[in-house]
Amino acid sequence: MPQWPVEEIRQRTLKAVAYGRAATIRSVFVELQVGLAYCRLATITTIPGSKMRYRDSARAALSQALRAAARVRLESKGHIHDEFVAAASLLQQALAKLDAESEFADPKNAKA
């Protein structure tokens, strides 16, 4: 087995960690995009059961994105943080709109 200098091991480790962080950040944005796609599907479907499943899937995508964002500390300041907040807010607004539409369509689901 080859013996590597400590500095080379350290550099390889830092590079691997950076690649992992970048991949996780990309996955956060992909989850948010998937959530928005589910919201779009929910708005165009006319089948109530499908609408609910799409909405639930969008909520799950948001939840996954938030958990992954916490792992890589996207809550810290910076350009990526601002993009994350904007994308997450967009999905949250889309979910709120779906919730409002479903309560309007089915008054028995409205909160007292």
Foldseek 3Di string as FASTA:
>chain_A
DDDDDPVVVVVVVVVVVVVVLVVLLVLLLVLLVQLVVLLVVLVPDPDVVSNVVSLVSSVVSLVVSVVSCVVSVLCDDDDSVVVSVVSSVVSVVSSVVSVVVVCVVPVVPDDD
